[in-house]
Amino acid sequence: MKRSRSDSANGQVLSDVDGGVRSRICSVCRQYYSKNWMLGTGGAVGICSDDGSSILVTPTVAFKETLSEEDLCVYDIEQHRIVSPTGSTPSSSIRVFAMLAEERGATSFIHTHSVAATLIGCLPAAAAGQLPDRITFRDTEMIKGVSSYPGYEYMKNTDELVIPIVENEASEGFLVDPIRSAIREGSTGAHACFVLVRGHGLYVWADTWLKTKAMLECLEFLLHLELERLKLTR
């Protein structure tokens, strides 16, 4: 059963996204900072409230290794505004997160700036010399940790995994339309729960925190694996 919201007019934190969820977000930010996936205030994490009305999200310009639970922002999806804390500014990824919540039913989101995710889309395809618009994996065990839309069901290691790539923009807010287009029905990324932004990083989302975290880590592994493969073949 969905929980009711507390009074947003009073700037109160929504009870459904409080407590252990705050600790979970801060913990994973420290973990990914230690892996060099969220350096220099880069990257973002968000988790929806149970009723889907808000997102608890990391703030902008926040060092992930020192992030505290009190630093996190509650963003009202319908009203497109911060509920608490007063005067805070959410990560610039919040517009992408909100779009994915509304249009894909996603409830958890992670954005990383790892070397592999940043570099892989900038390497031209060997044959044509053109920058790729997707990265494809087949017959690799870690594909089993990746979810597919709709349904967010786990893929098989024999499935073809296609990661769409979009061009970077001056601000994350401008990535909403390119990401929406890359995963639209009928596109090569129609079943994707993830997008690479060329020269920038990786976005991952799902309908549970467990799937989102597992998928992010499996995709980061696969991207690193691809870079190692390219070293051996070029």
C-alpha atoms as a PDB file:
ATOM      1  CA  MET A   1       0.000   0.000   0.000  1.00  0.00           C
ATOM      2  CA  LYS A   2       1.306   3.439  -0.886  1.00  0.00           C
ATOM      3  CA  ARG A   3       2.167   5.719   1.991  1.00  0.00           C
ATOM      4  CA  SER A   4       0.771   9.191   2.290  1.00  0.00           C
ATOM      5  CA  ARG A   5       2.892  12.288   1.906  1.00  0.00           C
ATOM      6  CA  SER A   6       3.709  14.652   4.724  1.00  0.00           C
ATOM      7  CA  ASP A   7       2.873  18.327   4.298  1.00  0.00           C
ATOM      8  CA  SER A   8       5.223  19.614   1.607  1.00  0.00           C
ATOM      9  CA  ALA A   9       4.107  23.174   2.261  1.00  0.00           C
ATOM     10  CA  ASN A  10       5.863  22.961   5.614  1.00  0.00           C
ATOM     11  CA  GLY A  11       9.022  21.731   3.925  1.00  0.00           C
ATOM     12  CA  GLN A  12       8.972  18.422   5.783  1.00  0.00           C
ATOM     13  CA  VAL A  13      10.928  15.464   4.515  1.00  0.00           C
ATOM     14  CA  LEU A  14       8.651  12.824   3.009  1.00  0.00           C
ATOM     15  CA  SER A  15       8.574   9.843   5.353  1.00  0.00           C
ATOM     16  CA  ASP A  16       8.676   7.283   2.533  1.00  0.00           C
ATOM     17  CA  VAL A  17      12.122   8.389   1.373  1.00  0.00           C
ATOM     18  CA  ASP A  18      13.651   9.041   4.780  1.00  0.00           C
ATOM     19  CA  GLY A  19      15.516   6.879   7.289  1.00  0.00           C
ATOM     20  CA  GLY A  20      17.628   4.061   5.899  1.00  0.00           C
ATOM     21  CA  VAL A  21      17.318   5.300   2.324  1.00  0.00           C
ATOM     22  CA  ARG A  22      19.397   8.368   3.176  1.00  0.00           C
ATOM     23  CA  SER A  23      22.113   6.162   4.622  1.00  0.00           C
ATOM     24  CA  ARG A  24      21.980   3.917   1.526  1.00  0.00           C
ATOM     25  CA  ILE A  25      22.510   6.844  -0.849  1.00  0.00           C
ATOM     26  CA  CYS A  26      25.430   8.263   1.126  1.00  0.00           C
ATOM     27  CA  SER A  27      27.009   4.825   1.446  1.00  0.00           C
ATOM     28  CA  VAL A  28      26.880   4.064  -2.279  1.00  0.00           C
ATOM     29  CA  CYS A  29      28.271   7.517  -3.096  1.00  0.00           C
ATOM     30  CA  ARG A  30      31.287   6.830  -0.884  1.00  0.00           C
ATOM     31  CA  GLN A  31      31.652   3.376  -2.448  1.00  0.00           C
ATOM     32  CA  TYR A  32      31.600   4.724  -5.999  1.00  0.00           C
ATOM     33  CA  TYR A  33      33.912   7.608  -5.105  1.00  0.00           C
ATOM     34  CA  SER A  34      36.442   5.004  -3.961  1.00  0.00           C
ATOM     35  CA  LYS A  35      36.112   3.308  -7.376  1.00  0.00           C
ATOM     36  CA  ASN A  36      36.775   6.641  -9.154  1.00  0.00           C
ATOM     37  CA  TRP A  37      33.232   6.673 -10.563  1.00  0.00           C
ATOM     38  CA  MET A  38      32.107   9.851  -8.726  1.00  0.00           C
ATOM     39  CA  LEU A  39      35.113  12.135  -8.401  1.00  0.00           C
ATOM     40  CA  GLY A  40      35.181  15.925  -8.085  1.00  0.00           C
ATOM     41  CA  THR A  41      31.474  16.284  -7.118  1.00  0.00           C
ATOM     42  CA  GLY A  42      30.481  14.349 -10.270  1.00  0.00           C
ATOM     43  CA  GLY A  43      27.700  11.778 -10.469  1.00  0.00           C
ATOM     44  CA  ALA A  44      24.313  11.546  -8.810  1.00  0.00           C
ATOM     45  CA  VAL A  45      21.955   9.139  -7.033  1.00  0.00           C
ATOM     46  CA  GLY A  46      18.190   9.358  -6.593  1.00  0.00           C
ATOM     47  CA  ILE A  47      15.460   7.175  -5.060  1.00  0.00           C
ATOM     48  CA  CYS A  48      11.699   7.762  -5.351  1.00  0.00           C
ATOM     49  CA  SER A  49       9.256   7.841  -2.473  1.00  0.00           C
ATOM     50  CA  ASP A  50       6.884   4.879  -2.223  1.00  0.00           C
ATOM     51  CA  ASP A  51       4.035   6.865  -3.777  1.00  0.00           C
ATOM     52  CA  GLY A  52       6.250   8.077  -6.609  1.00  0.00           C
ATOM     53  CA  SER A  53       5.605  11.744  -5.889  1.00  0.00           C
ATOM     54  CA  SER A  54       9.133  12.753  -4.947  1.00  0.00           C
ATOM     55  CA  ILE A  55      12.789  11.858  -5.379  1.00  0.00           C
ATOM     56  CA  LEU A  56      15.414  11.899  -2.648  1.00  0.00           C
ATOM     57  CA  VAL A  57      18.479  13.040  -4.575  1.00  0.00           C
ATOM     58  CA  THR A  58      22.068  14.089  -4.047  1.00  0.00           C
ATOM     59  CA  PRO A  59      22.677  17.856  -4.139  1.00  0.00           C
ATOM     60  CA  THR A  60      24.650  19.701  -6.774  1.00  0.00           C
ATOM     61  CA  VAL A  61      28.365  20.422  -6.251  1.00  0.00           C
ATOM     62  CA  ALA A  62      28.675  17.889  -3.435  1.00  0.00           C
ATOM     63  CA  PHE A  63      31.793  15.819  -2.750  1.00  0.00           C
ATOM     64  CA  LYS A  64      30.527  12.253  -2.629  1.00  0.00           C
ATOM     65  CA  GLU A  65      33.130  11.043  -0.130  1.00  0.00           C
ATOM     66  CA  THR A  66      31.893  13.489   2.535  1.00  0.00           C
ATOM     67  CA  LEU A  67      28.175  13.554   1.697  1.00  0.00           C
ATOM     68  CA  SER A  68      25.908  13.508   4.762  1.00  0.00           C
ATOM     69  CA  GLU A  69      22.282  12.430   5.087  1.00  0.00           C
ATOM     70  CA  GLU A  70      21.275  16.015   5.869  1.00  0.00           C
ATOM     71  CA  ASP A  71      22.727  17.175   2.534  1.00  0.00           C
ATOM     72  CA  LEU A  72      20.196  15.202   0.474  1.00  0.00           C
ATOM     73  CA  CYS A  73      17.332  16.998  -1.290  1.00  0.00           C
ATOM     74  CA  VAL A  74      13.666  16.025  -1.609  1.00  0.00           C
ATOM     75  CA  TYR A  75      12.374  16.975  -5.068  1.00  0.00           C
ATOM     76  CA  ASP A  76       8.634  17.084  -5.839  1.00  0.00           C
ATOM     77  CA  ILE A  77       8.197  15.543  -9.310  1.00  0.00           C
ATOM     78  CA  GLU A  78       4.764  16.985 -10.070  1.00  0.00           C
ATOM     79  CA  GLN A  79       5.547  20.511  -8.885  1.00  0.00           C
ATOM     80  CA  HIS A  80       9.133  20.465 -10.196  1.00  0.00           C
ATOM     81  CA  ARG A  81      10.543  21.998  -7.051  1.00  0.00           C
ATOM     82  CA  ILE A  82      12.608  21.231  -3.973  1.00  0.00           C
ATOM     83  CA  VAL A  83      10.584  20.414  -0.852  1.00  0.00           C
ATOM     84  CA  SER A  84      13.525  20.347   1.536  1.00  0.00           C
ATOM     85  CA  PRO A  85      15.943  21.483   2.734  1.00  0.00           C
ATOM     86  CA  THR A  86      14.967  25.076   2.006  1.00  0.00           C
ATOM     87  CA  GLY A  87      17.352  26.829  -0.347  1.00  0.00           C
ATOM     88  CA  SER A  88      19.148  23.658  -1.452  1.00  0.00           C
ATOM     89  CA  THR A  89      19.878  22.784  -5.071  1.00  0.00           C
ATOM     90  CA  PRO A  90      19.517  19.220  -6.355  1.00  0.00           C
ATOM     91  CA  SER A  91      21.903  17.534  -8.755  1.00  0.00           C
ATOM     92  CA  SER A  92      21.510  18.779 -12.307  1.00  0.00           C
ATOM     93  CA  SER A  93      20.604  15.165 -13.161  1.00  0.00           C
ATOM     94  CA  ILE A  94      17.243  15.599 -11.410  1.00  0.00           C
ATOM     95  CA  ARG A  95      15.412  16.508 -14.631  1.00  0.00           C
ATOM     96  CA  VAL A  96      16.593  13.270 -16.253  1.00  0.00           C
ATOM     97  CA  PHE A  97      15.612  11.300 -13.143  1.00  0.00           C
ATOM     98  CA  ALA A  98      12.154  12.921 -13.041  1.00  0.00           C
ATOM     99  CA  MET A  99      11.536  12.164 -16.737  1.00  0.00           C
ATOM    100  CA  LEU A 100      12.491   8.512 -16.214  1.00  0.00           C
ATOM    101  CA  ALA A 101      10.222   8.262 -13.180  1.00  0.00           C
ATOM    102  CA  GLU A 102       7.257   9.689 -15.070  1.00  0.00           C
ATOM    103  CA  GLU A 103       7.756   7.971 -18.428  1.00  0.00           C
ATOM    104  CA  ARG A 104       9.494   4.691 -17.513  1.00  0.00           C
ATOM    105  CA  GLY A 105       8.135   4.005 -14.034  1.00  0.00           C
ATOM    106  CA  ALA A 106      11.675   4.002 -12.662  1.00  0.00           C
ATOM    107  CA  THR A 107      12.153   4.435  -8.915  1.00  0.00           C
ATOM    108  CA  SER A 108      15.946   4.423  -8.547  1.00  0.00           C
ATOM    109  CA  PHE A 109      18.625   6.202 -10.561  1.00  0.00           C
ATOM    110  CA  ILE A 110      22.435   6.328 -10.630  1.00  0.00           C
ATOM    111  CA  HIS A 111      24.696   8.507 -12.772  1.00  0.00           C
ATOM    112  CA  THR A 112      28.467   7.898 -12.855  1.00  0.00           C
ATOM    113  CA  HIS A 113      31.520   9.527 -14.444  1.00  0.00           C
ATOM    114  CA  SER A 114      33.913   6.571 -14.636  1.00  0.00           C
ATOM    115  CA  VAL A 115      36.826   6.566 -17.060  1.00  0.00           C
ATOM    116  CA  ALA A 116      35.324   3.641 -19.009  1.00  0.00           C
ATOM    117  CA  ALA A 117      31.864   5.230 -19.308  1.00  0.00           C
ATOM    118  CA  THR A 118      33.369   8.570 -20.321  1.00  0.00           C
ATOM    119  CA  LEU A 119      35.842   7.216 -22.870  1.00  0.00           C
ATOM    120  CA  ILE A 120      34.078   4.301 -24.546  1.00  0.00           C
ATOM    121  CA  GLY A 121      31.711   6.427 -26.640  1.00  0.00           C
ATOM    122  CA  CYS A 122      34.576   8.603 -27.868  1.00  0.00           C
ATOM    123  CA  LEU A 123      36.408   5.741 -29.589  1.00  0.00           C
ATOM    124  CA  PRO A 124      35.588   5.506 -33.311  1.00  0.00           C
ATOM    125  CA  ALA A 125      34.403   2.221 -34.758  1.00  0.00           C
ATOM    126  CA  ALA A 126      37.421   0.431 -36.235  1.00  0.00           C
ATOM    127  CA  ALA A 127      35.960  -0.024 -39.715  1.00  0.00           C
ATOM    128  CA  ALA A 128      34.174   3.243 -40.481  1.00  0.00           C
ATOM    129  CA  GLY A 129      36.137   5.615 -38.262  1.00  0.00           C
ATOM    130  CA  GLN A 130      32.857   7.147 -37.075  1.00  0.00           C
ATOM    131  CA  LEU A 131      31.794   7.557 -33.473  1.00  0.00           C
ATOM    132  CA  PRO A 132      29.343   4.808 -32.456  1.00  0.00           C
ATOM    133  CA  ASP A 133      25.715   5.447 -31.503  1.00  0.00           C
ATOM    134  CA  ARG A 134      25.606   2.265 -29.413  1.00  0.00           C
ATOM    135  CA  ILE A 135      27.764  -0.350 -27.712  1.00  0.00           C
ATOM    136  CA  THR A 136      26.721  -3.999 -28.054  1.00  0.00           C
ATOM    137  CA  PHE A 137      27.594  -7.000 -25.888  1.00  0.00           C
ATOM    138  CA  ARG A 138      26.812 -10.691 -26.413  1.00  0.00           C
ATOM    139  CA  ASP A 139      27.616 -13.970 -24.676  1.00  0.00           C
ATOM    140  CA  THR A 140      29.068 -12.351 -21.562  1.00  0.00           C
ATOM    141  CA  GLU A 141      28.124 -13.535 -18.071  1.00  0.00           C
ATOM    142  CA  MET A 142      27.665 -10.096 -16.503  1.00  0.00           C
ATOM    143  CA  ILE A 143      24.791  -9.353 -18.885  1.00  0.00           C
ATOM    144  CA  LYS A 144      22.700 -11.409 -16.442  1.00  0.00           C
ATOM    145  CA  GLY A 145      22.866  -8.529 -13.946  1.00  0.00           C
ATOM    146  CA  VAL A 146      21.301  -6.085 -16.414  1.00  0.00           C
ATOM    147  CA  SER A 147      17.564  -5.382 -16.606  1.00  0.00           C
ATOM    148  CA  SER A 148      15.443  -4.855 -19.717  1.00  0.00           C
ATOM    149  CA  TYR A 149      12.402  -2.631 -20.302  1.00  0.00           C
ATOM    150  CA  PRO A 150       9.452  -3.102 -20.025  1.00  0.00           C
ATOM    151  CA  GLY A 151       9.142  -5.159 -16.867  1.00  0.00           C
ATOM    152  CA  TYR A 152      12.723  -4.586 -15.694  1.00  0.00           C
ATOM    153  CA  GLU A 153      13.380  -8.315 -15.965  1.00  0.00           C
ATOM    154  CA  TYR A 154      16.958  -9.571 -15.800  1.00  0.00           C
ATOM    155  CA  MET A 155      18.526 -10.448 -19.143  1.00  0.00           C
ATOM    156  CA  LYS A 156      20.163 -13.765 -20.054  1.00  0.00           C
ATOM    157  CA  ASN A 157      23.870 -14.030 -20.768  1.00  0.00           C
ATOM    158  CA  THR A 158      22.968 -15.109 -24.310  1.00  0.00           C
ATOM    159  CA  ASP A 159      20.854 -11.987 -24.959  1.00  0.00           C
ATOM    160  CA  GLU A 160      22.138  -9.079 -27.016  1.00  0.00           C
ATOM    161  CA  LEU A 161      22.744  -6.041 -24.819  1.00  0.00           C
ATOM    162  CA  VAL A 162      22.583  -2.704 -26.651  1.00  0.00           C
ATOM    163  CA  ILE A 163      23.657   0.446 -24.793  1.00  0.00           C
ATOM    164  CA  PRO A 164      22.560   3.591 -26.675  1.00  0.00           C
ATOM    165  CA  ILE A 165      24.935   6.569 -26.801  1.00  0.00           C
ATOM    166  CA  VAL A 166      23.779  10.195 -26.915  1.00  0.00           C
ATOM    167  CA  GLU A 167      25.788  13.362 -27.432  1.00  0.00           C
ATOM    168  CA  ASN A 168      26.787  15.428 -24.418  1.00  0.00           C
ATOM    169  CA  GLU A 169      25.192  18.788 -23.674  1.00  0.00           C
ATOM    170  CA  ALA A 170      26.297  21.907 -21.801  1.00  0.00           C
ATOM    171  CA  SER A 171      23.996  21.027 -18.912  1.00  0.00           C
ATOM    172  CA  GLU A 172      22.370  17.800 -17.768  1.00  0.00           C
ATOM    173  CA  GLY A 173      18.939  19.362 -18.070  1.00  0.00           C
ATOM    174  CA  PHE A 174      19.407  19.441 -21.845  1.00  0.00           C
ATOM    175  CA  LEU A 175      19.959  15.661 -21.865  1.00  0.00           C
ATOM    176  CA  VAL A 176      16.278  14.930 -21.168  1.00  0.00           C
ATOM    177  CA  ASP A 177      15.149  15.017 -24.822  1.00  0.00           C
ATOM    178  CA  PRO A 178      18.167  13.141 -26.266  1.00  0.00           C
ATOM    179  CA  ILE A 179      17.786  10.378 -23.668  1.00  0.00           C
ATOM    180  CA  ARG A 180      14.033  10.225 -24.244  1.00  0.00           C
ATOM    181  CA  SER A 181      14.640   9.893 -27.978  1.00  0.00           C
ATOM    182  CA  ALA A 182      17.333   7.208 -27.523  1.00  0.00           C
ATOM    183  CA  ILE A 183      14.973   4.936 -25.560  1.00  0.00           C
ATOM    184  CA  ARG A 184      11.726   5.680 -27.394  1.00  0.00           C
ATOM    185  CA  GLU A 185       9.547   2.856 -28.707  1.00  0.00           C
ATOM    186  CA  GLY A 186      10.877   1.580 -32.010  1.00  0.00           C
ATOM    187  CA  SER A 187      14.455   2.751 -31.395  1.00  0.00           C
ATOM    188  CA  THR A 188      17.460   0.467 -30.877  1.00  0.00           C
ATOM    189  CA  GLY A 189      17.387   1.515 -27.220  1.00  0.00           C
ATOM    190  CA  ALA A 190      13.682   0.811 -26.674  1.00  0.00           C
ATOM    191  CA  HIS A 191      14.424  -1.897 -24.102  1.00  0.00           C
ATOM    192  CA  ALA A 192      17.295  -0.057 -22.436  1.00  0.00           C
ATOM    193  CA  CYS A 193      17.371   0.959 -18.773  1.00  0.00           C
ATOM    194  CA  PHE A 194      20.663   2.765 -19.339  1.00  0.00           C
ATOM    195  CA  VAL A 195      22.263   5.356 -21.605  1.00  0.00           C
ATOM    196  CA  LEU A 196      25.847   6.428 -22.220  1.00  0.00           C
ATOM    197  CA  VAL A 197      26.523  10.135 -22.716  1.00  0.00           C
ATOM    198  CA  ARG A 198      29.544  10.568 -24.954  1.00  0.00           C
ATOM    199  CA  GLY A 199      32.511  12.069 -23.121  1.00  0.00           C
ATOM    200  CA  HIS A 200      30.429  12.341 -19.954  1.00  0.00           C
ATOM    201  CA  GLY A 201      29.255   9.145 -18.266  1.00  0.00           C
ATOM    202  CA  LEU A 202      26.534   6.564 -17.674  1.00  0.00           C
ATOM    203  CA  TYR A 203      22.879   6.792 -16.578  1.00  0.00           C
ATOM    204  CA  VAL A 204      21.146   3.703 -15.163  1.00  0.00           C
ATOM    205  CA  TRP A 205      17.631   3.281 -13.758  1.00  0.00           C
ATOM    206  CA  ALA A 206      15.172   0.532 -12.718  1.00  0.00           C
ATOM    207  CA  ASP A 207      12.076  -0.161 -10.644  1.00  0.00           C
ATOM    208  CA  THR A 208      14.022  -1.215  -7.521  1.00  0.00           C
ATOM    209  CA  TRP A 209      17.206  -0.072  -5.838  1.00  0.00           C
ATOM    210  CA  LEU A 210      18.673  -3.595  -5.948  1.00  0.00           C
ATOM    211  CA  LYS A 211      18.273  -3.846  -9.733  1.00  0.00           C
ATOM    212  CA  THR A 212      19.640  -0.350 -10.302  1.00  0.00           C
ATOM    213  CA  LYS A 213      22.762  -0.864  -8.202  1.00  0.00           C
ATOM    214  CA  ALA A 214      23.457  -4.337  -9.619  1.00  0.00           C
ATOM    215  CA  MET A 215      22.934  -3.117 -13.179  1.00  0.00           C
ATOM    216  CA  LEU A 216      25.205  -0.093 -12.728  1.00  0.00           C
ATOM    217  CA  GLU A 217      28.028  -2.279 -11.445  1.00  0.00           C
ATOM    218  CA  CYS A 218      27.577  -4.903 -14.173  1.00  0.00           C
ATOM    219  CA  LEU A 219      27.554  -2.240 -16.891  1.00  0.00           C
ATOM    220  CA  GLU A 220      30.650  -0.560 -15.478  1.00  0.00           C
ATOM    221  CA  PHE A 221      32.335  -3.974 -15.556  1.00  0.00           C
ATOM    222  CA  LEU A 222      31.281  -4.550 -19.170  1.00  0.00           C
ATOM    223  CA  LEU A 223      32.488  -1.118 -20.282  1.00  0.00           C
ATOM    224  CA  HIS A 224      35.861  -1.676 -18.615  1.00  0.00           C
ATOM    225  CA  LEU A 225      35.984  -5.115 -20.229  1.00  0.00           C
ATOM    226  CA  GLU A 226      35.400  -3.556 -23.645  1.00  0.00           C
ATOM    227  CA  LEU A 227      38.253  -1.101 -23.138  1.00  0.00           C
ATOM    228  CA  GLU A 228      40.562  -3.988 -22.234  1.00  0.00           C
ATOM    229  CA  ARG A 229      39.395  -5.908 -25.314  1.00  0.00           C
ATOM    230  CA  LEU A 230      40.143  -2.932 -27.542  1.00  0.00           C
ATOM    231  CA  LYS A 231      43.675  -2.724 -26.159  1.00  0.00           C
ATOM    232  CA  LEU A 232      44.273  -6.291 -27.338  1.00  0.00           C
ATOM    233  CA  THR A 233      42.719  -5.920 -30.771  1.00  0.00           C
ATOM    234  CA  ARG A 234      43.943  -2.508 -31.944  1.00  0.00           C
END
